[in-house]
PDB file of all heavy atoms in Angstrom:
ATOM      1  N   SER A   1      65.456 141.130 146.760  1.00  0.00           N
ATOM      2  CA  SER A   1      64.270 140.556 147.391  1.00  0.00           C
ATOM      3  C   SER A   1      63.235 140.348 146.300  1.00  0.00           C
ATOM      4  O   SER A   1      63.224 141.076 145.302  1.00  0.00           O
ATOM      5  CB  SER A   1      63.715 141.485 148.480  1.00  0.00           C
ATOM      6  OG  SER A   1      63.353 142.738 147.920  1.00  0.00           O
ATOM      7  N   VAL A   2      62.407 139.332 146.455  1.00  0.00           N
ATOM      8  CA  VAL A   2      61.416 139.033 145.427  1.00  0.00           C
ATOM      9  C   VAL A   2      60.015 139.167 146.002  1.00  0.00           C
ATOM     10  O   VAL A   2      59.772 138.821 147.171  1.00  0.00           O
ATOM     11  CB  VAL A   2      61.611 137.625 144.820  1.00  0.00           C
ATOM     12  CG1 VAL A   2      62.969 137.519 144.142  1.00  0.00           C
ATOM     13  CG2 VAL A   2      61.438 136.544 145.859  1.00  0.00           C
ATOM     14  N   VAL A   3      59.128 139.664 145.173  1.00  0.00           N
ATOM     15  CA  VAL A   3      57.715 139.768 145.516  1.00  0.00           C
ATOM     16  C   VAL A   3      56.961 138.858 144.559  1.00  0.00           C
ATOM     17  O   VAL A   3      56.967 139.088 143.341  1.00  0.00           O
ATOM     18  CB  VAL A   3      57.204 141.217 145.394  1.00  0.00           C
ATOM     19  CG1 VAL A   3      55.715 141.284 145.733  1.00  0.00           C
ATOM     20  CG2 VAL A   3      58.008 142.152 146.285  1.00  0.00           C
ATOM     21  N   LEU A   4      56.339 137.816 145.095  1.00  0.00           N
ATOM     22  CA  LEU A   4      55.567 136.896 144.277  1.00  0.00           C
ATOM     23  C   LEU A   4      54.121 137.382 144.258  1.00  0.00           C
ATOM     24  O   LEU A   4      53.466 137.444 145.307  1.00  0.00           O
ATOM     25  CB  LEU A   4      55.632 135.478 144.850  1.00  0.00           C
ATOM     26  CG  LEU A   4      57.023 134.902 145.108  1.00  0.00           C
ATOM     27  CD1 LEU A   4      56.916 133.460 145.574  1.00  0.00           C
ATOM     28  CD2 LEU A   4      57.891 135.001 143.866  1.00  0.00           C
ATOM     29  N   ALA A   5      53.641 137.705 143.068  1.00  0.00           N
ATOM     30  CA  ALA A   5      52.309 138.294 142.940  1.00  0.00           C
ATOM     31  C   ALA A   5      51.411 137.409 142.091  1.00  0.00           C
ATOM     32  O   ALA A   5      51.835 136.871 141.065  1.00  0.00           O
ATOM     33  CB  ALA A   5      52.406 139.692 142.315  1.00  0.00           C
ATOM     34  N   GLY A   6      50.171 137.292 142.526  1.00  0.00           N
ATOM     35  CA  GLY A   6      49.184 136.529 141.773  1.00  0.00           C
ATOM     36  C   GLY A   6      47.818 136.744 142.384  1.00  0.00           C
ATOM     37  O   GLY A   6      47.689 137.334 143.465  1.00  0.00           O
ATOM     38  N   PRO A   7      46.765 136.289 141.727  1.00  0.00           N
ATOM     39  CA  PRO A   7      45.410 136.567 142.204  1.00  0.00           C
ATOM     40  C   PRO A   7      45.062 135.925 143.540  1.00  0.00           C
ATOM     41  O   PRO A   7      44.209 136.433 144.267  1.00  0.00           O
ATOM     42  CB  PRO A   7      44.514 136.021 141.076  1.00  0.00           C
ATOM     43  CG  PRO A   7      45.370 135.051 140.326  1.00  0.00           C
ATOM     44  CD  PRO A   7      46.769 135.574 140.437  1.00  0.00           C
ATOM     45  N   ALA A   8      45.699 134.806 143.887  1.00  0.00           N
ATOM     46  CA  ALA A   8      45.404 134.115 145.147  1.00  0.00           C
ATOM     47  C   ALA A   8      46.465 134.458 146.190  1.00  0.00           C
ATOM     48  O   ALA A   8      47.586 133.955 146.121  1.00  0.00           O
ATOM     49  CB  ALA A   8      45.335 132.605 144.919  1.00  0.00           C
ATOM     50  N   LEU A   9      46.105 135.302 147.138  1.00  0.00           N
ATOM     51  CA  LEU A   9      47.070 135.750 148.145  1.00  0.00           C
ATOM     52  C   LEU A   9      47.641 134.594 148.940  1.00  0.00           C
ATOM     53  O   LEU A   9      48.849 134.558 149.219  1.00  0.00           O
ATOM     54  CB  LEU A   9      46.409 136.760 149.088  1.00  0.00           C
ATOM     55  CG  LEU A   9      47.248 137.221 150.292  1.00  0.00           C
ATOM     56  CD1 LEU A   9      48.534 137.900 149.830  1.00  0.00           C
ATOM     57  CD2 LEU A   9      46.432 138.159 151.184  1.00  0.00           C
ATOM     58  N   HIS A  10      46.812 133.615 149.305  1.00  0.00           N
ATOM     59  CA  HIS A  10      47.306 132.516 150.133  1.00  0.00           C
ATOM     60  C   HIS A  10      48.337 131.672 149.386  1.00  0.00           C
ATOM     61  O   HIS A  10      49.301 131.190 149.988  1.00  0.00           O
ATOM     62  CB  HIS A  10      46.141 131.642 150.609  1.00  0.00           C
ATOM     63  CG  HIS A  10      45.457 130.869 149.517  1.00  0.00           C
ATOM     64  ND1 HIS A  10      44.584 131.459 148.614  1.00  0.00           N
ATOM     65  CD2 HIS A  10      45.521 129.553 149.167  1.00  0.00           C
ATOM     66  CE1 HIS A  10      44.130 130.542 147.786  1.00  0.00           C
ATOM     67  NE2 HIS A  10      44.691 129.385 148.087  1.00  0.00           N
ATOM     68  N   LYS A  11      48.165 131.526 148.068  1.00  0.00           N
ATOM     69  CA  LYS A  11      49.154 130.781 147.287  1.00  0.00           C
ATOM     70  C   LYS A  11      50.458 131.567 147.172  1.00  0.00           C
ATOM     71  O   LYS A  11      51.549 130.998 147.261  1.00  0.00           O
ATOM     72  CB  LYS A  11      48.608 130.468 145.902  1.00  0.00           C
ATOM     73  CG  LYS A  11      47.458 129.472 145.888  1.00  0.00           C
ATOM     74  CD  LYS A  11      47.029 129.156 144.459  1.00  0.00           C
ATOM     75  CE  LYS A  11      45.897 128.151 144.440  1.00  0.00           C
ATOM     76  NZ  LYS A  11      45.465 127.837 143.044  1.00  0.00           N
ATOM     77  N   ALA A  12      50.350 132.883 146.960  1.00  0.00           N
ATOM     78  CA  ALA A  12      51.548 133.720 146.861  1.00  0.00           C
ATOM     79  C   ALA A  12      52.315 133.721 148.176  1.00  0.00           C
ATOM     80  O   ALA A  12      53.545 133.607 148.204  1.00  0.00           O
ATOM     81  CB  ALA A  12      51.151 135.145 146.475  1.00  0.00           C
ATOM     82  N   THR A  13      51.587 133.810 149.289  1.00  0.00           N
ATOM     83  CA  THR A  13      52.224 133.835 150.600  1.00  0.00           C
ATOM     84  C   THR A  13      52.894 132.498 150.912  1.00  0.00           C
ATOM     85  O   THR A  13      54.019 132.458 151.437  1.00  0.00           O
ATOM     86  CB  THR A  13      51.179 134.153 151.690  1.00  0.00           C
ATOM     87  OG1 THR A  13      50.574 135.424 151.396  1.00  0.00           O
ATOM     88  CG2 THR A  13      51.827 134.216 153.059  1.00  0.00           C
ATOM     89  N   ALA A  14      52.215 131.403 150.581  1.00  0.00           N
ATOM     90  CA  ALA A  14      52.787 130.074 150.846  1.00  0.00           C
ATOM     91  C   ALA A  14      54.051 129.849 150.024  1.00  0.00           C
ATOM     92  O   ALA A  14      55.048 129.311 150.521  1.00  0.00           O
ATOM     93  CB  ALA A  14      51.747 128.998 150.542  1.00  0.00           C
ATOM     94  N   ALA A  15      54.025 130.254 148.749  1.00  0.00           N
ATOM     95  CA  ALA A  15      55.202 130.087 147.887  1.00  0.00           C
ATOM     96  C   ALA A  15      56.365 130.932 148.402  1.00  0.00           C
ATOM     97  O   ALA A  15      57.519 130.488 148.407  1.00  0.00           O
ATOM     98  CB  ALA A  15      54.864 130.469 146.453  1.00  0.00           C
ATOM     99  N   ALA A  16      56.076 132.153 148.842  1.00  0.00           N
ATOM    100  CA  ALA A  16      57.128 133.033 149.359  1.00  0.00           C
ATOM    101  C   ALA A  16      57.726 132.480 150.646  1.00  0.00           C
ATOM    102  O   ALA A  16      58.939 132.557 150.875  1.00  0.00           O
ATOM    103  CB  ALA A  16      56.554 134.430 149.591  1.00  0.00           C
ATOM    104  N   ARG A  17      56.886 131.906 151.482  1.00  0.00           N
ATOM    105  CA  ARG A  17      57.373 131.353 152.752  1.00  0.00           C
ATOM    106  C   ARG A  17      58.401 130.257 152.516  1.00  0.00           C
ATOM    107  O   ARG A  17      59.386 130.134 153.252  1.00  0.00           O
ATOM    108  CB  ARG A  17      56.191 130.810 153.552  1.00  0.00           C
ATOM    109  CG  ARG A  17      56.554 130.410 154.983  1.00  0.00           C
ATOM    110  CD  ARG A  17      55.334 129.866 155.733  1.00  0.00           C
ATOM    111  NE  ARG A  17      54.262 130.855 155.766  1.00  0.00           N
ATOM    112  CZ  ARG A  17      53.060 130.687 155.194  1.00  0.00           C
ATOM    113  NH1 ARG A  17      52.799 129.566 154.541  1.00  0.00           N
ATOM    114  NH2 ARG A  17      52.143 131.615 155.282  1.00  0.00           N
ATOM    115  N   ARG A  18      58.193 129.463 151.468  1.00  0.00           N
ATOM    116  CA  ARG A  18      59.134 128.381 151.172  1.00  0.00           C
ATOM    117  C   ARG A  18      60.469 128.905 150.658  1.00  0.00           C
ATOM    118  O   ARG A  18      61.473 128.193 150.693  1.00  0.00           O
ATOM    119  CB  ARG A  18      58.515 127.426 150.152  1.00  0.00           C
ATOM    120  CG  ARG A  18      57.375 126.579 150.718  1.00  0.00           C
ATOM    121  CD  ARG A  18      56.956 125.481 149.747  1.00  0.00           C
ATOM    122  NE  ARG A  18      56.275 126.004 148.586  1.00  0.00           N
ATOM    123  CZ  ARG A  18      54.963 126.183 148.508  1.00  0.00           C
ATOM    124  NH1 ARG A  18      54.175 125.898 149.547  1.00  0.00           N
ATOM    125  NH2 ARG A  18      54.412 126.646 147.396  1.00  0.00           N
ATOM    126  N   LEU A  19      60.508 130.146 150.182  1.00  0.00           N
ATOM    127  CA  LEU A  19      61.739 130.712 149.634  1.00  0.00           C
ATOM    128  C   LEU A  19      62.589 131.416 150.682  1.00  0.00           C
ATOM    129  O   LEU A  19      63.765 131.700 150.445  1.00  0.00           O
ATOM    130  CB  LEU A  19      61.403 131.697 148.498  1.00  0.00           C
ATOM    131  CG  LEU A  19      60.854 131.086 147.214  1.00  0.00           C
ATOM    132  CD1 LEU A  19      60.376 132.179 146.267  1.00  0.00           C
ATOM    133  CD2 LEU A  19      61.904 130.221 146.528  1.00  0.00           C
ATOM    134  N   GLY A  20      61.996 131.758 151.829  1.00  0.00           N
ATOM    135  CA  GLY A  20      62.785 132.380 152.885  1.00  0.00           C
ATOM    136  C   GLY A  20      62.471 133.840 153.119  1.00  0.00           C
ATOM    137  O   GLY A  20      61.506 134.402 152.590  1.00  0.00           O
ATOM    138  N   ASP A  21      63.340 134.479 153.916  1.00  0.00           N
ATOM    139  CA  ASP A  21      63.075 135.827 154.408  1.00  0.00           C
ATOM    140  C   ASP A  21      63.113 136.901 153.329  1.00  0.00           C
ATOM    141  O   ASP A  21      62.565 137.992 153.523  1.00  0.00           O
ATOM    142  CB  ASP A  21      64.097 136.195 155.490  1.00  0.00           C
ATOM    143  CG  ASP A  21      63.951 135.332 156.736  1.00  0.00           C
ATOM    144  OD1 ASP A  21      62.866 134.744 156.917  1.00  0.00           O
ATOM    145  OD2 ASP A  21      64.935 135.239 157.508  1.00  0.00           O
ATOM    146  N   ARG A  22      63.786 136.633 152.207  1.00  0.00           N
ATOM    147  CA  ARG A  22      63.884 137.668 151.166  1.00  0.00           C
ATOM    148  C   ARG A  22      62.746 137.595 150.156  1.00  0.00           C
ATOM    149  O   ARG A  22      62.792 138.265 149.119  1.00  0.00           O
ATOM    150  CB  ARG A  22      65.227 137.562 150.441  1.00  0.00           C
ATOM    151  CG  ARG A  22      66.411 137.985 151.313  1.00  0.00           C
ATOM    152  CD  ARG A  22      67.673 138.147 150.481  1.00  0.00           C
ATOM    153  NE  ARG A  22      68.211 136.886 150.035  1.00  0.00           N
ATOM    154  CZ  ARG A  22      68.705 136.652 148.826  1.00  0.00           C
ATOM    155  NH1 ARG A  22      68.695 137.620 147.917  1.00  0.00           N
ATOM    156  NH2 ARG A  22      69.201 135.476 148.506  1.00  0.00           N
ATOM    157  N   ALA A  23      61.726 136.835 150.461  1.00  0.00           N
ATOM    158  CA  ALA A  23      60.574 136.718 149.566  1.00  0.00           C
ATOM    159  C   ALA A  23      59.293 137.019 150.330  1.00  0.00           C
ATOM    160  O   ALA A  23      59.172 136.708 151.517  1.00  0.00           O
ATOM    161  CB  ALA A  23      60.513 135.321 148.962  1.00  0.00           C
ATOM    162  N   ARG A  24      58.360 137.635 149.642  1.00  0.00           N
ATOM    163  CA  ARG A  24      57.033 137.833 150.223  1.00  0.00           C
ATOM    164  C   ARG A  24      55.984 137.711 149.120  1.00  0.00           C
ATOM    165  O   ARG A  24      56.288 137.900 147.934  1.00  0.00           O
ATOM    166  CB  ARG A  24      56.916 139.199 150.921  1.00  0.00           C
ATOM    167  CG  ARG A  24      57.040 140.403 150.012  1.00  0.00           C
ATOM    168  CD  ARG A  24      57.015 141.688 150.822  1.00  0.00           C
ATOM    169  NE  ARG A  24      57.208 142.871 149.986  1.00  0.00           N
ATOM    170  CZ  ARG A  24      56.207 143.559 149.431  1.00  0.00           C
ATOM    171  NH1 ARG A  24      54.939 143.188 149.639  1.00  0.00           N
ATOM    172  NH2 ARG A  24      56.454 144.622 148.692  1.00  0.00           N
ATOM    173  N   GLY A  25      54.791 137.366 149.513  1.00  0.00           N
ATOM    174  CA  GLY A  25      53.715 137.184 148.545  1.00  0.00           C
ATOM    175  C   GLY A  25      52.667 138.273 148.668  1.00  0.00           C
ATOM    176  O   GLY A  25      52.389 138.756 149.769  1.00  0.00           O
ATOM    177  N   VAL A  26      52.097 138.660 147.538  1.00  0.00           N
ATOM    178  CA  VAL A  26      51.020 139.650 147.530  1.00  0.00           C
ATOM    179  C   VAL A  26      49.933 139.189 146.570  1.00  0.00           C
ATOM    180  O   VAL A  26      50.202 138.485 145.585  1.00  0.00           O
ATOM    181  CB  VAL A  26      51.515 141.056 147.101  1.00  0.00           C
ATOM    182  CG1 VAL A  26      52.576 141.564 148.061  1.00  0.00           C
ATOM    183  CG2 VAL A  26      52.039 141.041 145.675  1.00  0.00           C
ATOM    184  N   GLY A  27      48.715 139.577 146.866  1.00  0.00           N
ATOM    185  CA  GLY A  27      47.616 139.318 145.954  1.00  0.00           C
ATOM    186  C   GLY A  27      47.585 140.390 144.877  1.00  0.00           C
ATOM    187  O   GLY A  27      47.752 141.581 145.174  1.00  0.00           O
ATOM    188  N   LEU A  28      47.411 139.985 143.624  1.00  0.00           N
ATOM    189  CA  LEU A  28      47.412 140.958 142.529  1.00  0.00           C
ATOM    190  C   LEU A  28      46.550 140.470 141.371  1.00  0.00           C
ATOM    191  O   LEU A  28      46.758 139.364 140.858  1.00  0.00           O
ATOM    192  CB  LEU A  28      48.837 141.200 142.024  1.00  0.00           C
ATOM    193  CG  LEU A  28      48.974 142.176 140.841  1.00  0.00           C
ATOM    194  CD1 LEU A  28      48.564 143.587 141.264  1.00  0.00           C
ATOM    195  CD2 LEU A  28      50.394 142.174 140.292  1.00  0.00           C
ATOM    196  N   ASP A  29      45.612 141.317 140.969  1.00  0.00           N
ATOM    197  CA  ASP A  29      44.836 141.079 139.758  1.00  0.00           C
ATOM    198  C   ASP A  29      45.572 141.770 138.616  1.00  0.00           C
ATOM    199  O   ASP A  29      45.597 143.000 138.536  1.00  0.00           O
ATOM    200  CB  ASP A  29      43.427 141.659 139.924  1.00  0.00           C
ATOM    201  CG  ASP A  29      42.588 141.542 138.654  1.00  0.00           C
ATOM    202  OD1 ASP A  29      43.074 140.967 137.650  1.00  0.00           O
ATOM    203  OD2 ASP A  29      41.440 142.036 138.666  1.00  0.00           O
ATOM    204  N   ALA A  30      46.183 140.989 137.742  1.00  0.00           N
ATOM    205  CA  ALA A  30      47.024 141.556 136.678  1.00  0.00           C
ATOM    206  C   ALA A  30      46.237 142.317 135.628  1.00  0.00           C
ATOM    207  O   ALA A  30      46.828 142.974 134.771  1.00  0.00           O
ATOM    208  CB  ALA A  30      47.843 140.448 136.014  1.00  0.00           C
ATOM    209  N   THR A  31      44.908 142.261 135.689  1.00  0.00           N
ATOM    210  CA  THR A  31      44.095 143.026 134.736  1.00  0.00           C
ATOM    211  C   THR A  31      43.630 144.349 135.326  1.00  0.00           C
ATOM    212  O   THR A  31      42.986 145.142 134.629  1.00  0.00           O
ATOM    213  CB  THR A  31      42.863 142.206 134.299  1.00  0.00           C
ATOM    214  OG1 THR A  31      41.998 141.988 135.420  1.00  0.00           O
ATOM    215  CG2 THR A  31      43.287 140.871 133.718  1.00  0.00           C
ATOM    216  N   SER A  32      43.945 144.605 136.598  1.00  0.00           N
ATOM    217  CA  SER A  32      43.548 145.847 137.253  1.00  0.00           C
ATOM    218  C   SER A  32      44.629 146.902 137.062  1.00  0.00           C
ATOM    219  O   SER A  32      45.742 146.755 137.567  1.00  0.00           O
ATOM    220  CB  SER A  32      43.309 145.612 138.745  1.00  0.00           C
ATOM    221  OG  SER A  32      43.199 146.844 139.444  1.00  0.00           O
ATOM    222  N   HIS A  33      44.308 147.973 136.348  1.00  0.00           N
ATOM    223  CA  HIS A  33      45.297 149.024 136.073  1.00  0.00           C
ATOM    224  C   HIS A  33      45.830 149.637 137.372  1.00  0.00           C
ATOM    225  O   HIS A  33      47.035 149.841 137.526  1.00  0.00           O
ATOM    226  CB  HIS A  33      44.679 150.109 135.188  1.00  0.00           C
ATOM    227  CG  HIS A  33      44.346 149.636 133.810  1.00  0.00           C
ATOM    228  ND1 HIS A  33      45.255 149.658 132.779  1.00  0.00           N
ATOM    229  CD2 HIS A  33      43.205 149.116 133.305  1.00  0.00           C
ATOM    230  CE1 HIS A  33      44.688 149.177 131.683  1.00  0.00           C
ATOM    231  NE2 HIS A  33      43.444 148.831 131.972  1.00  0.00           N
ATOM    232  N   ALA A  34      44.920 149.927 138.322  1.00  0.00           N
ATOM    233  CA  ALA A  34      45.340 150.574 139.567  1.00  0.00           C
ATOM    234  C   ALA A  34      46.226 149.649 140.395  1.00  0.00           C
ATOM    235  O   ALA A  34      47.266 150.065 140.916  1.00  0.00           O
ATOM    236  CB  ALA A  34      44.110 150.992 140.377  1.00  0.00           C
ATOM    237  N   ALA A  35      45.829 148.380 140.517  1.00  0.00           N
ATOM    238  CA  ALA A  35      46.596 147.440 141.327  1.00  0.00           C
ATOM    239  C   ALA A  35      47.970 147.169 140.715  1.00  0.00           C
ATOM    240  O   ALA A  35      48.986 147.119 141.417  1.00  0.00           O
ATOM    241  CB  ALA A  35      45.822 146.132 141.488  1.00  0.00           C
ATOM    242  N   VAL A  36      47.999 147.004 139.405  1.00  0.00           N
ATOM    243  CA  VAL A  36      49.275 146.736 138.736  1.00  0.00           C
ATOM    244  C   VAL A  36      50.191 147.951 138.839  1.00  0.00           C
ATOM    245  O   VAL A  36      51.392 147.819 139.092  1.00  0.00           O
ATOM    246  CB  VAL A  36      49.047 146.344 137.260  1.00  0.00           C
ATOM    247  CG1 VAL A  36      50.364 146.329 136.486  1.00  0.00           C
ATOM    248  CG2 VAL A  36      48.380 144.977 137.185  1.00  0.00           C
ATOM    249  N   SER A  37      49.630 149.125 138.652  1.00  0.00           N
ATOM    250  CA  SER A  37      50.431 150.348 138.736  1.00  0.00           C
ATOM    251  C   SER A  37      51.066 150.479 140.109  1.00  0.00           C
ATOM    252  O   SER A  37      52.252 150.816 140.236  1.00  0.00           O
ATOM    253  CB  SER A  37      49.560 151.572 138.437  1.00  0.00           C
ATOM    254  OG  SER A  37      50.319 152.763 138.522  1.00  0.00           O
ATOM    255  N   ALA A  38      50.306 150.200 141.155  1.00  0.00           N
ATOM    256  CA  ALA A  38      50.841 150.307 142.514  1.00  0.00           C
ATOM    257  C   ALA A  38      51.941 149.277 142.751  1.00  0.00           C
ATOM    258  O   ALA A  38      52.970 149.582 143.360  1.00  0.00           O
ATOM    259  CB  ALA A  38      49.708 150.114 143.523  1.00  0.00           C
ATOM    260  N   ALA A  39      51.727 148.063 142.263  1.00  0.00           N
ATOM    261  CA  ALA A  39      52.734 147.014 142.462  1.00  0.00           C
ATOM    262  C   ALA A  39      54.015 147.322 141.705  1.00  0.00           C
ATOM    263  O   ALA A  39      55.118 147.151 142.226  1.00  0.00           O
ATOM    264  CB  ALA A  39      52.163 145.664 142.024  1.00  0.00           C
ATOM    265  N   VAL A  40      53.881 147.782 140.466  1.00  0.00           N
ATOM    266  CA  VAL A  40      55.049 148.083 139.641  1.00  0.00           C
ATOM    267  C   VAL A  40      55.843 149.255 140.219  1.00  0.00           C
ATOM    268  O   VAL A  40      57.081 149.254 140.193  1.00  0.00           O
ATOM    269  CB  VAL A  40      54.619 148.370 138.186  1.00  0.00           C
ATOM    270  CG1 VAL A  40      55.773 148.969 137.372  1.00  0.00           C
ATOM    271  CG2 VAL A  40      54.114 147.087 137.520  1.00  0.00           C
ATOM    272  N   SER A  41      55.144 150.240 140.748  1.00  0.00           N
ATOM    273  CA  SER A  41      55.834 151.420 141.281  1.00  0.00           C
ATOM    274  C   SER A  41      56.754 151.071 142.445  1.00  0.00           C
ATOM    275  O   SER A  41      57.728 151.779 142.709  1.00  0.00           O
ATOM    276  CB  SER A  41      54.811 152.478 141.724  1.00  0.00           C
ATOM    277  OG  SER A  41      54.082 152.019 142.870  1.00  0.00           O
ATOM    278  N   GLY A  42      56.458 149.994 143.145  1.00  0.00           N
ATOM    279  CA  GLY A  42      57.280 149.604 144.290  1.00  0.00           C
ATOM    280  C   GLY A  42      58.393 148.631 143.954  1.00  0.00           C
ATOM    281  O   GLY A  42      59.078 148.144 144.860  1.00  0.00           O
ATOM    282  N   ALA A  43      58.578 148.338 142.672  1.00  0.00           N
ATOM    283  CA  ALA A  43      59.600 147.371 142.255  1.00  0.00           C
ATOM    284  C   ALA A  43      60.673 148.059 141.422  1.00  0.00           C
ATOM    285  O   ALA A  43      60.472 149.158 140.893  1.00  0.00           O
ATOM    286  CB  ALA A  43      58.958 146.245 141.448  1.00  0.00           C
ATOM    287  N   ASP A  44      61.813 147.406 141.302  1.00  0.00           N
ATOM    288  CA  ASP A  44      62.880 147.898 140.431  1.00  0.00           C
ATOM    289  C   ASP A  44      62.854 147.209 139.068  1.00  0.00           C
ATOM    290  O   ASP A  44      63.173 147.816 138.049  1.00  0.00           O
ATOM    291  CB  ASP A  44      64.244 147.664 141.090  1.00  0.00           C
ATOM    292  CG  ASP A  44      64.391 148.455 142.375  1.00  0.00           C
ATOM    293  OD1 ASP A  44      64.329 149.686 142.318  1.00  0.00           O
ATOM    294  OD2 ASP A  44      64.544 147.819 143.442  1.00  0.00           O
ATOM    295  N   ILE A  45      62.486 145.938 139.045  1.00  0.00           N
ATOM    296  CA  ILE A  45      62.410 145.155 137.813  1.00  0.00           C
ATOM    297  C   ILE A  45      61.173 144.269 137.904  1.00  0.00           C
ATOM    298  O   ILE A  45      60.853 143.746 138.979  1.00  0.00           O
ATOM    299  CB  ILE A  45      63.664 144.272 137.617  1.00  0.00           C
ATOM    300  CG1 ILE A  45      64.920 145.134 137.559  1.00  0.00           C
ATOM    301  CG2 ILE A  45      63.552 143.427 136.352  1.00  0.00           C
ATOM    302  CD1 ILE A  45      66.219 144.323 137.522  1.00  0.00           C
ATOM    303  N   VAL A  46      60.494 144.110 136.772  1.00  0.00           N
ATOM    304  CA  VAL A  46      59.276 143.293 136.736  1.00  0.00           C
ATOM    305  C   VAL A  46      59.500 142.094 135.818  1.00  0.00           C
ATOM    306  O   VAL A  46      59.944 142.250 134.676  1.00  0.00           O
ATOM    307  CB  VAL A  46      58.069 144.111 136.231  1.00  0.00           C
ATOM    308  CG1 VAL A  46      56.812 143.231 136.169  1.00  0.00           C
ATOM    309  CG2 VAL A  46      57.836 145.328 137.122  1.00  0.00           C
TER     310      VAL A  46
END
């Protein structure tokens, strides 16, 4: 399953919707240590 992450949640969600049920979008500020840490902890590969 893929998680599409980027600063604009609506863009991430729209892109994931076009890929199907195994994709989802999340909002993520890649410069935020706390946000990135939480996102990475829930993934197997980045």
